[in-house]
Amino acid sequence: MANPPIALQANLNNEDDEGFNWSVWRKAVDPAAIVEGAVVVAGTERFWSWVRIRQIDDDGQVHFERLTSTQAAPSIPRAS
């Protein structure tokens, strides 16, 4: 099974003071897809997770929470 494409390059070990993971907006493959509430894949090709974007700071820091596949499923587009 192939991994889904990474939308936001991130080190999933990085956590902010509130316990959310974070990366920077410039590491997004398509920056227009990185908006608050969006469900995307973040991480690397070897270590990735479905995530929900929680906040984007003015300086470009993107805060997100990891989701299980069950939590992410309603937001994942289906191939027709």
PDB file of N, CA and C in Angstrom:
ATOM      1  N   MET A   1       0.843  -1.184   0.000  1.00  0.00           N
ATOM      2  CA  MET A   1       0.000   0.000   0.000  1.00  0.00           C
ATOM      3  C   MET A   1       0.886   1.245   0.000  1.00  0.00           C
ATOM      4  N   ALA A   2       0.591   2.170  -0.867  1.00  0.00           N
ATOM      5  CA  ALA A   2       1.380   3.395  -0.979  1.00  0.00           C
ATOM      6  C   ALA A   2       0.964   4.400   0.101  1.00  0.00           C
ATOM      7  N   ASN A   3       1.940   5.144   0.581  1.00  0.00           N
ATOM      8  CA  ASN A   3       1.645   6.202   1.537  1.00  0.00           C
ATOM      9  C   ASN A   3       0.932   7.345   0.832  1.00  0.00           C
ATOM     10  N   PRO A   4       0.076   8.073   1.553  1.00  0.00           N
ATOM     11  CA  PRO A   4      -0.543   9.246   0.943  1.00  0.00           C
ATOM     12  C   PRO A   4       0.510  10.341   0.752  1.00  0.00           C
ATOM     13  N   PRO A   5       0.279  11.252  -0.184  1.00  0.00           N
ATOM     14  CA  PRO A   5       1.257  12.330  -0.393  1.00  0.00           C
ATOM     15  C   PRO A   5       1.325  13.266   0.822  1.00  0.00           C
ATOM     16  N   ILE A   6       2.533  13.666   1.141  1.00  0.00           N
ATOM     17  CA  ILE A   6       2.758  14.585   2.261  1.00  0.00           C
ATOM     18  C   ILE A   6       2.367  15.996   1.823  1.00  0.00           C
ATOM     19  N   ALA A   7       1.487  16.633   2.579  1.00  0.00           N
ATOM     20  CA  ALA A   7       1.069  18.004   2.279  1.00  0.00           C
ATOM     21  C   ALA A   7       1.907  19.031   3.037  1.00  0.00           C
ATOM     22  N   LEU A   8       2.408  18.629   4.221  1.00  0.00           N
ATOM     23  CA  LEU A   8       3.192  19.535   5.059  1.00  0.00           C
ATOM     24  C   LEU A   8       4.370  18.766   5.641  1.00  0.00           C
ATOM     25  N   GLN A   9       5.576  19.108   5.189  1.00  0.00           N
ATOM     26  CA  GLN A   9       6.784  18.498   5.746  1.00  0.00           C
ATOM     27  C   GLN A   9       6.896  18.917   7.211  1.00  0.00           C
ATOM     28  N   ALA A  10       7.115  17.938   8.089  1.00  0.00           N
ATOM     29  CA  ALA A  10       7.162  18.250   9.518  1.00  0.00           C
ATOM     30  C   ALA A  10       7.933  17.178  10.269  1.00  0.00           C
ATOM     31  N   ASN A  11       8.563  17.577  11.353  1.00  0.00           N
ATOM     32  CA  ASN A  11       9.141  16.653  12.319  1.00  0.00           C
ATOM     33  C   ASN A  11       8.064  16.439  13.369  1.00  0.00           C
ATOM     34  N   LEU A  12       7.473  15.262  13.407  1.00  0.00           N
ATOM     35  CA  LEU A  12       6.352  15.007  14.302  1.00  0.00           C
ATOM     36  C   LEU A  12       6.765  14.887  15.765  1.00  0.00           C
ATOM     37  N   ASN A  13       8.040  15.076  16.057  1.00  0.00           N
ATOM     38  CA  ASN A  13       8.496  15.146  17.445  1.00  0.00           C
ATOM     39  C   ASN A  13       8.425  16.574  17.984  1.00  0.00           C
ATOM     40  N   ASN A  14       8.273  17.565  17.110  1.00  0.00           N
ATOM     41  CA  ASN A  14       8.201  18.960  17.551  1.00  0.00           C
ATOM     42  C   ASN A  14       6.831  19.245  18.141  1.00  0.00           C
ATOM     43  N   GLU A  15       6.810  19.752  19.382  1.00  0.00           N
ATOM     44  CA  GLU A  15       5.568  20.130  20.041  1.00  0.00           C
ATOM     45  C   GLU A  15       5.681  21.548  20.567  1.00  0.00           C
ATOM     46  N   ASP A  16       4.543  22.258  20.515  1.00  0.00           N
ATOM     47  CA  ASP A  16       4.506  23.605  21.087  1.00  0.00           C
ATOM     48  C   ASP A  16       4.163  23.515  22.575  1.00  0.00           C
ATOM     49  N   ASP A  17       3.984  24.661  23.233  1.00  0.00           N
ATOM     50  CA  ASP A  17       3.717  24.692  24.667  1.00  0.00           C
ATOM     51  C   ASP A  17       2.367  24.085  25.036  1.00  0.00           C
ATOM     52  N   GLU A  18       1.460  23.960  24.074  1.00  0.00           N
ATOM     53  CA  GLU A  18       0.137  23.405  24.336  1.00  0.00           C
ATOM     54  C   GLU A  18       0.052  21.911  23.976  1.00  0.00           C
ATOM     55  N   GLY A  19       1.165  21.338  23.528  1.00  0.00           N
ATOM     56  CA  GLY A  19       1.199  19.913  23.209  1.00  0.00           C
ATOM     57  C   GLY A  19       0.828  19.572  21.776  1.00  0.00           C
ATOM     58  N   PHE A  20       0.602  20.598  20.937  1.00  0.00           N
ATOM     59  CA  PHE A  20       0.323  20.359  19.525  1.00  0.00           C
ATOM     60  C   PHE A  20       1.641  20.281  18.760  1.00  0.00           C
ATOM     61  N   ASN A  21       1.620  19.533  17.672  1.00  0.00           N
ATOM     62  CA  ASN A  21       2.780  19.511  16.788  1.00  0.00           C
ATOM     63  C   ASN A  21       2.819  20.803  15.995  1.00  0.00           C
ATOM     64  N   TRP A  22       3.976  21.091  15.395  1.00  0.00           N
ATOM     65  CA  TRP A  22       4.086  22.304  14.584  1.00  0.00           C
ATOM     66  C   TRP A  22       5.103  22.120  13.471  1.00  0.00           C
ATOM     67  N   SER A  23       4.943  22.937  12.456  1.00  0.00           N
ATOM     68  CA  SER A  23       5.892  23.046  11.359  1.00  0.00           C
ATOM     69  C   SER A  23       5.824  24.497  10.892  1.00  0.00           C
ATOM     70  N   VAL A  24       6.364  24.762   9.730  1.00  0.00           N
ATOM     71  CA  VAL A  24       6.277  26.120   9.184  1.00  0.00           C
ATOM     72  C   VAL A  24       5.585  26.071   7.823  1.00  0.00           C
ATOM     73  N   TRP A  25       4.837  27.115   7.543  1.00  0.00           N
ATOM     74  CA  TRP A  25       3.993  27.195   6.354  1.00  0.00           C
ATOM     75  C   TRP A  25       4.788  27.034   5.068  1.00  0.00           C
ATOM     76  N   ARG A  26       6.015  27.508   5.039  1.00  0.00           N
ATOM     77  CA  ARG A  26       6.830  27.424   3.815  1.00  0.00           C
ATOM     78  C   ARG A  26       7.181  25.980   3.448  1.00  0.00           C
ATOM     79  N   LYS A  27       6.972  25.026   4.365  1.00  0.00           N
ATOM     80  CA  LYS A  27       7.246  23.620   4.076  1.00  0.00           C
ATOM     81  C   LYS A  27       6.029  22.896   3.505  1.00  0.00           C
ATOM     82  N   ALA A  28       4.977  23.646   3.218  1.00  0.00           N
ATOM     83  CA  ALA A  28       3.775  23.048   2.617  1.00  0.00           C
ATOM     84  C   ALA A  28       3.995  22.841   1.123  1.00  0.00           C
ATOM     85  N   VAL A  29       3.541  21.709   0.600  1.00  0.00           N
ATOM     86  CA  VAL A  29       3.615  21.447  -0.835  1.00  0.00           C
ATOM     87  C   VAL A  29       2.711  22.418  -1.578  1.00  0.00           C
ATOM     88  N   ASP A  30       1.491  22.615  -1.067  1.00  0.00           N
ATOM     89  CA  ASP A  30       0.529  23.569  -1.624  1.00  0.00           C
ATOM     90  C   ASP A  30       0.061  24.456  -0.477  1.00  0.00           C
ATOM     91  N   PRO A  31       0.683  25.623  -0.284  1.00  0.00           N
ATOM     92  CA  PRO A  31       0.332  26.469   0.857  1.00  0.00           C
ATOM     93  C   PRO A  31      -1.158  26.823   0.937  1.00  0.00           C
ATOM     94  N   ALA A  32      -1.850  26.857  -0.194  1.00  0.00           N
ATOM     95  CA  ALA A  32      -3.281  27.184  -0.179  1.00  0.00           C
ATOM     96  C   ALA A  32      -4.095  26.107   0.536  1.00  0.00           C
ATOM     97  N   ALA A  33      -3.574  24.891   0.628  1.00  0.00           N
ATOM     98  CA  ALA A  33      -4.282  23.790   1.289  1.00  0.00           C
ATOM     99  C   ALA A  33      -4.106  23.812   2.805  1.00  0.00           C
ATOM    100  N   ILE A  34      -3.161  24.600   3.286  1.00  0.00           N
ATOM    101  CA  ILE A  34      -2.875  24.642   4.724  1.00  0.00           C
ATOM    102  C   ILE A  34      -3.651  25.800   5.334  1.00  0.00           C
ATOM    103  N   VAL A  35      -4.857  25.494   5.754  1.00  0.00           N
ATOM    104  CA  VAL A  35      -5.753  26.473   6.382  1.00  0.00           C
ATOM    105  C   VAL A  35      -6.299  25.868   7.665  1.00  0.00           C
ATOM    106  N   GLU A  36      -6.707  26.720   8.585  1.00  0.00           N
ATOM    107  CA  GLU A  36      -7.243  26.226   9.852  1.00  0.00           C
ATOM    108  C   GLU A  36      -8.431  25.308   9.600  1.00  0.00           C
ATOM    109  N   GLY A  37      -8.413  24.162  10.255  1.00  0.00           N
ATOM    110  CA  GLY A  37      -9.478  23.173  10.115  1.00  0.00           C
ATOM    111  C   GLY A  37      -9.237  22.122   9.050  1.00  0.00           C
ATOM    112  N   ALA A  38      -8.286  22.356   8.161  1.00  0.00           N
ATOM    113  CA  ALA A  38      -8.004  21.389   7.086  1.00  0.00           C
ATOM    114  C   ALA A  38      -7.415  20.110   7.660  1.00  0.00           C
ATOM    115  N   VAL A  39      -7.749  18.983   7.045  1.00  0.00           N
ATOM    116  CA  VAL A  39      -7.163  17.691   7.396  1.00  0.00           C
ATOM    117  C   VAL A  39      -6.229  17.313   6.263  1.00  0.00           C
ATOM    118  N   VAL A  40      -4.941  17.160   6.591  1.00  0.00           N
ATOM    119  CA  VAL A  40      -3.907  16.867   5.595  1.00  0.00           C
ATOM    120  C   VAL A  40      -2.945  15.837   6.178  1.00  0.00           C
ATOM    121  N   VAL A  41      -1.995  15.408   5.378  1.00  0.00           N
ATOM    122  CA  VAL A  41      -0.936  14.512   5.840  1.00  0.00           C
ATOM    123  C   VAL A  41       0.302  15.356   6.123  1.00  0.00           C
ATOM    124  N   ALA A  42       0.851  15.194   7.324  1.00  0.00           N
ATOM    125  CA  ALA A  42       2.066  15.909   7.715  1.00  0.00           C
ATOM    126  C   ALA A  42       3.114  14.899   8.148  1.00  0.00           C
ATOM    127  N   GLY A  43       4.376  15.273   8.000  1.00  0.00           N
ATOM    128  CA  GLY A  43       5.485  14.434   8.422  1.00  0.00           C
ATOM    129  C   GLY A  43       6.475  14.252   7.302  1.00  0.00           C
ATOM    130  N   THR A  44       6.992  13.031   7.212  1.00  0.00           N
ATOM    131  CA  THR A  44       7.946  12.676   6.170  1.00  0.00           C
ATOM    132  C   THR A  44       7.441  11.398   5.498  1.00  0.00           C
ATOM    133  N   GLU A  45       8.095  10.989   4.431  1.00  0.00           N
ATOM    134  CA  GLU A  45       7.678   9.769   3.749  1.00  0.00           C
ATOM    135  C   GLU A  45       7.760   8.544   4.661  1.00  0.00           C
ATOM    136  N   ARG A  46       8.657   8.562   5.621  1.00  0.00           N
ATOM    137  CA  ARG A  46       8.830   7.396   6.512  1.00  0.00           C
ATOM    138  C   ARG A  46       8.018   7.492   7.787  1.00  0.00           C
ATOM    139  N   PHE A  47       7.666   8.699   8.223  1.00  0.00           N
ATOM    140  CA  PHE A  47       6.964   8.894   9.493  1.00  0.00           C
ATOM    141  C   PHE A  47       5.959  10.013   9.301  1.00  0.00           C
ATOM    142  N   TRP A  48       4.690   9.644   9.097  1.00  0.00           N
ATOM    143  CA  TRP A  48       3.666  10.621   8.768  1.00  0.00           C
ATOM    144  C   TRP A  48       2.398  10.360   9.563  1.00  0.00           C
ATOM    145  N   SER A  49       1.511  11.330   9.542  1.00  0.00           N
ATOM    146  CA  SER A  49       0.238  11.205  10.241  1.00  0.00           C
ATOM    147  C   SER A  49      -0.798  12.092   9.564  1.00  0.00           C
ATOM    148  N   TRP A  50      -2.056  11.675   9.651  1.00  0.00           N
ATOM    149  CA  TRP A  50      -3.148  12.570   9.305  1.00  0.00           C
ATOM    150  C   TRP A  50      -3.209  13.612  10.408  1.00  0.00           C
ATOM    151  N   VAL A  51      -3.413  14.869  10.043  1.00  0.00           N
ATOM    152  CA  VAL A  51      -3.455  15.945  11.037  1.00  0.00           C
ATOM    153  C   VAL A  51      -4.571  16.926  10.696  1.00  0.00           C
ATOM    154  N   ARG A  52      -5.011  17.643  11.718  1.00  0.00           N
ATOM    155  CA  ARG A  52      -5.944  18.758  11.528  1.00  0.00           C
ATOM    156  C   ARG A  52      -5.200  20.045  11.881  1.00  0.00           C
ATOM    157  N   ILE A  53      -5.206  21.002  10.972  1.00  0.00           N
ATOM    158  CA  ILE A  53      -4.540  22.284  11.205  1.00  0.00           C
ATOM    159  C   ILE A  53      -5.349  23.055  12.242  1.00  0.00           C
ATOM    160  N   ARG A  54      -4.704  23.432  13.340  1.00  0.00           N
ATOM    161  CA  ARG A  54      -5.380  24.140  14.430  1.00  0.00           C
ATOM    162  C   ARG A  54      -5.200  25.653  14.338  1.00  0.00           C
ATOM    163  N   GLN A  55      -3.989  26.075  13.962  1.00  0.00           N
ATOM    164  CA  GLN A  55      -3.697  27.507  13.975  1.00  0.00           C
ATOM    165  C   GLN A  55      -2.511  27.790  13.069  1.00  0.00           C
ATOM    166  N   ILE A  56      -2.553  28.938  12.424  1.00  0.00           N
ATOM    167  CA  ILE A  56      -1.418  29.415  11.635  1.00  0.00           C
ATOM    168  C   ILE A  56      -1.056  30.793  12.170  1.00  0.00           C
ATOM    169  N   ASP A  57       0.139  30.918  12.712  1.00  0.00           N
ATOM    170  CA  ASP A  57       0.587  32.179  13.284  1.00  0.00           C
ATOM    171  C   ASP A  57       1.006  33.157  12.187  1.00  0.00           C
ATOM    172  N   ASP A  58       1.049  34.431  12.543  1.00  0.00           N
ATOM    173  CA  ASP A  58       1.469  35.471  11.595  1.00  0.00           C
ATOM    174  C   ASP A  58       2.886  35.238  11.081  1.00  0.00           C
ATOM    175  N   ASP A  59       3.737  34.584  11.878  1.00  0.00           N
ATOM    176  CA  ASP A  59       5.119  34.331  11.451  1.00  0.00           C
ATOM    177  C   ASP A  59       5.253  33.057  10.609  1.00  0.00           C
ATOM    178  N   GLY A  60       4.109  32.383  10.313  1.00  0.00           N
ATOM    179  CA  GLY A  60       4.128  31.209   9.452  1.00  0.00           C
ATOM    180  C   GLY A  60       4.235  29.878  10.176  1.00  0.00           C
ATOM    181  N   GLN A  61       4.242  29.899  11.496  1.00  0.00           N
ATOM    182  CA  GLN A  61       4.266  28.635  12.225  1.00  0.00           C
ATOM    183  C   GLN A  61       2.871  28.009  12.161  1.00  0.00           C
ATOM    184  N   VAL A  62       2.829  26.713  11.813  1.00  0.00           N
ATOM    185  CA  VAL A  62       1.573  25.973  11.657  1.00  0.00           C
ATOM    186  C   VAL A  62       1.457  24.974  12.802  1.00  0.00           C
ATOM    187  N   HIS A  63       0.390  25.098  13.583  1.00  0.00           N
ATOM    188  CA  HIS A  63       0.145  24.198  14.705  1.00  0.00           C
ATOM    189  C   HIS A  63      -0.923  23.196  14.286  1.00  0.00           C
ATOM    190  N   PHE A  64      -0.715  21.920  14.613  1.00  0.00           N
ATOM    191  CA  PHE A  64      -1.670  20.902  14.208  1.00  0.00           C
ATOM    192  C   PHE A  64      -1.732  19.787  15.234  1.00  0.00           C
ATOM    193  N   GLU A  65      -2.853  19.042  15.182  1.00  0.00           N
ATOM    194  CA  GLU A  65      -3.014  17.880  16.043  1.00  0.00           C
ATOM    195  C   GLU A  65      -3.060  16.635  15.181  1.00  0.00           C
ATOM    196  N   ARG A  66      -2.474  15.567  15.673  1.00  0.00           N
ATOM    197  CA  ARG A  66      -2.497  14.301  14.940  1.00  0.00           C
ATOM    198  C   ARG A  66      -3.865  13.640  15.095  1.00  0.00           C
ATOM    199  N   LEU A  67      -4.287  12.943  14.048  1.00  0.00           N
ATOM    200  CA  LEU A  67      -5.567  12.245  14.030  1.00  0.00           C
ATOM    201  C   LEU A  67      -5.355  10.767  13.725  1.00  0.00           C
ATOM    202  N   THR A  68      -6.261   9.951  14.190  1.00  0.00           N
ATOM    203  CA  THR A  68      -6.267   8.551  13.768  1.00  0.00           C
ATOM    204  C   THR A  68      -6.896   8.506  12.381  1.00  0.00           C
ATOM    205  N   SER A  69      -6.741   7.395  11.686  1.00  0.00           N
ATOM    206  CA  SER A  69      -7.364   7.273  10.361  1.00  0.00           C
ATOM    207  C   SER A  69      -8.886   7.342  10.471  1.00  0.00           C
ATOM    208  N   THR A  70      -9.451   6.845  11.555  1.00  0.00           N
ATOM    209  CA  THR A  70     -10.898   6.910  11.764  1.00  0.00           C
ATOM    210  C   THR A  70     -11.355   8.359  11.934  1.00  0.00           C
ATOM    211  N   GLN A  71     -10.594   9.150  12.683  1.00  0.00           N
ATOM    212  CA  GLN A  71     -10.934  10.561  12.868  1.00  0.00           C
ATOM    213  C   GLN A  71     -10.805  11.341  11.564  1.00  0.00           C
ATOM    214  N   ALA A  72      -9.803  10.993  10.760  1.00  0.00           N
ATOM    215  CA  ALA A  72      -9.548  11.721   9.518  1.00  0.00           C
ATOM    216  C   ALA A  72     -10.495  11.315   8.396  1.00  0.00           C
ATOM    217  N   ALA A  73     -11.013  10.094   8.431  1.00  0.00           N
ATOM    218  CA  ALA A  73     -11.789   9.533   7.317  1.00  0.00           C
ATOM    219  C   ALA A  73     -12.905  10.431   6.790  1.00  0.00           C
ATOM    220  N   PRO A  74     -13.700  11.064   7.632  1.00  0.00           N
ATOM    221  CA  PRO A  74     -14.774  11.899   7.071  1.00  0.00           C
ATOM    222  C   PRO A  74     -14.272  13.093   6.250  1.00  0.00           C
ATOM    223  N   SER A  75     -13.027  13.488   6.448  1.00  0.00           N
ATOM    224  CA  SER A  75     -12.482  14.653   5.745  1.00  0.00           C
ATOM    225  C   SER A  75     -11.608  14.296   4.551  1.00  0.00           C
ATOM    226  N   ILE A  76     -11.410  12.999   4.307  1.00  0.00           N
ATOM    227  CA  ILE A  76     -10.542  12.552   3.218  1.00  0.00           C
ATOM    228  C   ILE A  76     -11.352  12.405   1.944  1.00  0.00           C
ATOM    229  N   PRO A  77     -10.970  13.081   0.866  1.00  0.00           N
ATOM    230  CA  PRO A  77     -11.698  12.915  -0.389  1.00  0.00           C
ATOM    231  C   PRO A  77     -11.595  11.472  -0.884  1.00  0.00           C
ATOM    232  N   ARG A  78     -12.657  10.966  -1.419  1.00  0.00           N
ATOM    233  CA  ARG A  78     -12.693   9.604  -1.946  1.00  0.00           C
ATOM    234  C   ARG A  78     -12.494   9.628  -3.451  1.00  0.00           C
ATOM    235  N   ALA A  79     -11.734   8.674  -3.952  1.00  0.00           N
ATOM    236  CA  ALA A  79     -11.563   8.536  -5.416  1.00  0.00           C
ATOM    237  C   ALA A  79     -12.862   7.972  -5.987  1.00  0.00           C
ATOM    238  N   SER A  80     -13.250   8.455  -7.151  1.00  0.00           N
ATOM    239  CA  SER A  80     -14.487   7.947  -7.735  1.00  0.00           C
ATOM    240  C   SER A  80     -14.203   7.053  -8.921  1.00  0.00           C
TER     241      SER A  80
END
